[in-house]
Amino acid sequence: MSLDKQITALKEINKQIRKLKSKEPIIVGKFALTVYTQGMYPANIISLLHPDIHLLQQALRELGYTQFGDLWLKDDINVEISKDFELITGNFNQIQIEDEIINVLSLEDLIADMMKYCLEGDDLVCDLIKMLIKSYEKFIDFHYLYGRLKDKRAVSFIKNIKRGG
C-alpha cells in the first residue's frame, strides 16, 4: 500500500470528522513514524487517536469502513483506533501535506513511546530512535523528552546518541 493512498484516506477521514464538528484525530504509533520518515519506514495501518472514540467510529462507518475489533478496513486501507489515552496529554505537531494539515504525535512523545520497546530489546526500534534523533536533533525539545521518559536507562540511551554513540 502506498503512502499516497494512506494520505488520501486520512484526508477523507479528517474531512468527515470536520463535518461532525470535531477536531481531527492525531496520528500515532508506527504511522506517525511513517510520516516523520516520509515513508522510509512504511506502516500498513493508520493509527489514530481521538478523545471521542464513538465520533471517530461514526466517521469511519459513514465513509464505508468495516470494523474488525480495533481495526477498520476499507479496500486496502487499514485504520486502527488507538486507546493510548496517555498520549492525548502529550504534544502533537501540525504538518502540512499537500493542501491538508494533519496532526501527528510530537517527535518527543513518539520517541518516548518507542523507548519502552527499545528497552525491552527491540533492536530495530532502537535503530529507528537513533535515526530520528540524528535526523531531527535540532528540532527536538530534549528537556521535554527527558521529562516524558519514565526509565533512567532511556535518558542514558538518548544522551549516548547525542554524544555520537
Protein backbone atom coordinates (compact mmCIF):
# COMPACT_ATOMS: atom_id res chain seq x y z
CA MET A 1 0.00 0.00 0.00
CA SER A 2 1.34 3.39 -0.89
CA LEU A 3 1.76 6.33 1.43
CA ASP A 4 -0.17 8.43 -1.10
CA LYS A 5 -3.25 6.19 -0.71
CA GLN A 6 -2.96 6.37 3.07
CA ILE A 7 -2.68 10.18 2.99
CA THR A 8 -5.73 10.36 0.68
CA ALA A 9 -7.67 8.17 3.14
CA LEU A 10 -6.51 10.32 6.06
CA LYS A 11 -7.67 13.47 4.28
CA GLU A 12 -11.12 11.89 3.77
CA ILE A 13 -11.30 10.91 7.44
CA ASN A 14 -10.29 14.43 8.55
CA LYS A 15 -12.91 15.97 6.25
CA GLN A 16 -15.59 13.67 7.68
CA ILE A 17 -14.55 14.48 11.27
CA ARG A 18 -14.80 18.20 10.50
CA LYS A 19 -18.34 17.62 9.13
CA LEU A 20 -19.17 16.15 12.54
CA LYS A 21 -17.95 19.39 14.14
CA SER A 22 -14.88 17.95 15.82
CA LYS A 23 -11.13 18.39 15.66
CA GLU A 24 -9.13 16.00 13.55
CA PRO A 25 -7.55 12.91 15.14
CA ILE A 26 -3.86 12.65 15.97
CA ILE A 27 -1.67 10.21 14.06
CA VAL A 28 0.20 7.96 16.48
CA GLY A 29 2.18 4.72 16.51
CA LYS A 30 4.03 3.32 13.54
CA PHE A 31 2.12 5.52 11.12
CA ALA A 32 3.49 8.61 12.90
CA LEU A 33 6.93 7.13 12.28
CA THR A 34 5.97 6.67 8.61
CA VAL A 35 5.05 10.36 8.39
CA TYR A 36 8.29 11.52 10.05
CA THR A 37 10.43 9.26 7.86
CA GLN A 38 8.43 10.31 4.77
CA GLY A 39 7.56 6.70 4.03
CA MET A 40 11.02 5.21 4.58
CA TYR A 41 9.54 3.19 7.43
CA PRO A 42 6.21 2.06 5.98
CA ALA A 43 3.33 1.10 8.23
CA ASN A 44 0.36 -0.76 6.80
CA ILE A 45 -2.00 0.59 9.47
CA ILE A 46 -3.01 4.20 10.02
CA SER A 47 -3.15 4.59 13.82
CA LEU A 48 -5.40 7.39 15.03
CA LEU A 49 -6.06 8.81 18.46
CA HIS A 50 -9.13 10.91 19.20
CA PRO A 51 -10.68 11.84 22.56
CA ASP A 52 -14.14 10.83 21.28
CA ILE A 53 -13.79 7.24 20.05
CA HIS A 54 -17.50 6.99 19.21
CA LEU A 55 -17.32 10.04 16.96
CA LEU A 56 -14.26 8.64 15.16
CA GLN A 57 -16.06 5.30 14.74
CA GLN A 58 -19.10 7.13 13.34
CA ALA A 59 -16.92 8.98 10.82
CA LEU A 60 -15.29 5.73 9.68
CA ARG A 61 -18.68 4.00 9.36
CA GLU A 62 -20.03 6.90 7.29
CA LEU A 63 -17.00 6.59 4.98
CA GLY A 64 -17.72 2.89 4.39
CA TYR A 65 -15.13 1.33 6.70
CA THR A 66 -15.98 -2.02 8.33
CA GLN A 67 -14.95 -2.71 11.92
CA PHE A 68 -12.94 -5.79 12.93
CA GLY A 69 -12.01 -5.31 16.59
CA ASP A 70 -9.88 -2.16 16.84
CA LEU A 71 -9.24 -2.21 13.07
CA TRP A 72 -11.41 -0.54 10.47
CA LEU A 73 -10.99 -1.73 6.88
CA LYS A 74 -11.95 -0.27 3.53
CA ASP A 75 -10.41 -1.65 0.36
CA ASP A 76 -6.69 -1.96 1.21
CA ILE A 77 -6.72 0.80 3.86
CA ASN A 78 -6.42 -0.28 7.49
CA VAL A 79 -7.23 2.19 10.27
CA GLU A 80 -6.61 1.46 13.93
CA ILE A 81 -8.27 3.43 16.70
CA SER A 82 -5.65 3.80 19.40
CA LYS A 83 -6.61 3.64 23.03
CA ASP A 84 -3.29 5.04 24.30
CA PHE A 85 -5.11 7.84 26.09
CA GLU A 86 -1.96 8.94 27.96
CA LEU A 87 -0.70 10.24 24.60
CA ILE A 88 -3.59 12.74 24.50
CA THR A 89 -1.83 14.67 27.26
CA GLY A 90 1.30 14.90 25.10
CA ASN A 91 2.09 17.30 22.32
CA PHE A 92 1.42 16.99 18.63
CA ASN A 93 2.72 18.67 15.53
CA GLN A 94 0.68 20.03 12.68
CA ILE A 95 2.25 19.03 9.40
CA GLN A 96 1.11 20.22 6.00
CA ILE A 97 0.86 17.52 3.38
CA GLU A 98 -0.30 18.90 0.08
CA ASP A 99 -3.35 21.03 0.95
CA GLU A 100 -4.12 19.29 4.26
CA ILE A 101 -2.91 19.98 7.79
CA ILE A 102 -2.56 16.74 9.75
CA ASN A 103 -1.98 16.24 13.46
CA VAL A 104 0.93 13.95 14.27
CA LEU A 105 2.16 12.92 17.70
CA SER A 106 5.22 15.03 18.53
CA LEU A 107 8.63 13.54 17.86
CA GLU A 108 9.39 13.73 21.57
CA ASP A 109 6.25 11.78 22.53
CA LEU A 110 6.80 9.30 19.70
CA ILE A 111 10.37 8.64 20.86
CA ALA A 112 9.23 8.32 24.49
CA ASP A 113 6.54 5.83 23.42
CA MET A 114 9.03 3.85 21.31
CA MET A 115 11.63 3.71 24.10
CA LYS A 116 9.68 1.07 26.02
CA TYR A 117 10.12 -1.34 23.08
CA CYS A 118 13.78 -0.42 22.70
CA LEU A 119 14.46 -1.08 26.38
CA GLU A 120 12.70 -4.44 26.06
CA GLY A 121 15.34 -5.41 23.50
CA ASP A 122 13.81 -4.49 20.14
CA ASP A 123 16.97 -3.51 18.23
CA LEU A 124 15.03 -2.28 15.18
CA VAL A 125 13.14 0.21 17.33
CA CYS A 126 16.42 1.31 18.95
CA ASP A 127 17.89 1.90 15.49
CA LEU A 128 14.81 3.88 14.44
CA ILE A 129 15.10 6.05 17.55
CA LYS A 130 18.75 6.73 16.73
CA MET A 131 17.80 7.67 13.17
CA LEU A 132 15.04 10.03 14.36
CA ILE A 133 17.30 11.73 16.89
CA LYS A 134 20.14 12.17 14.40
CA SER A 135 17.78 13.43 11.69
CA TYR A 136 15.76 15.82 13.85
CA GLU A 137 18.20 16.68 16.66
CA LYS A 138 17.95 20.44 16.06
CA PHE A 139 14.16 20.31 16.36
CA ILE A 140 13.75 18.01 19.36
CA ASP A 141 12.97 19.54 22.75
CA PHE A 142 15.21 17.27 24.82
CA HIS A 143 14.15 18.85 28.10
CA TYR A 144 10.53 17.90 27.34
CA LEU A 145 11.61 14.46 26.08
CA TYR A 146 13.61 13.65 29.22
CA GLY A 147 10.60 14.65 31.31
CA ARG A 148 8.40 12.18 29.39
CA LEU A 149 10.78 9.25 29.88
CA LYS A 150 9.91 7.05 32.84
CA ASP A 151 13.07 4.91 32.80
CA LYS A 152 16.52 6.37 33.53
CA ARG A 153 18.04 3.89 31.06
CA ALA A 154 16.11 5.68 28.31
CA VAL A 155 17.64 9.04 29.25
CA SER A 156 21.13 7.47 29.20
CA PHE A 157 20.41 5.85 25.82
CA ILE A 158 19.38 9.18 24.28
CA LYS A 159 22.28 11.12 25.81
CA ASN A 160 24.62 8.49 24.36
CA ILE A 161 23.12 9.01 20.89
CA LYS A 162 23.61 12.77 21.21
CA ARG A 163 27.27 12.17 22.10
CA GLY A 164 27.65 10.23 18.85
CA GLY A 165 27.10 6.72 20.21
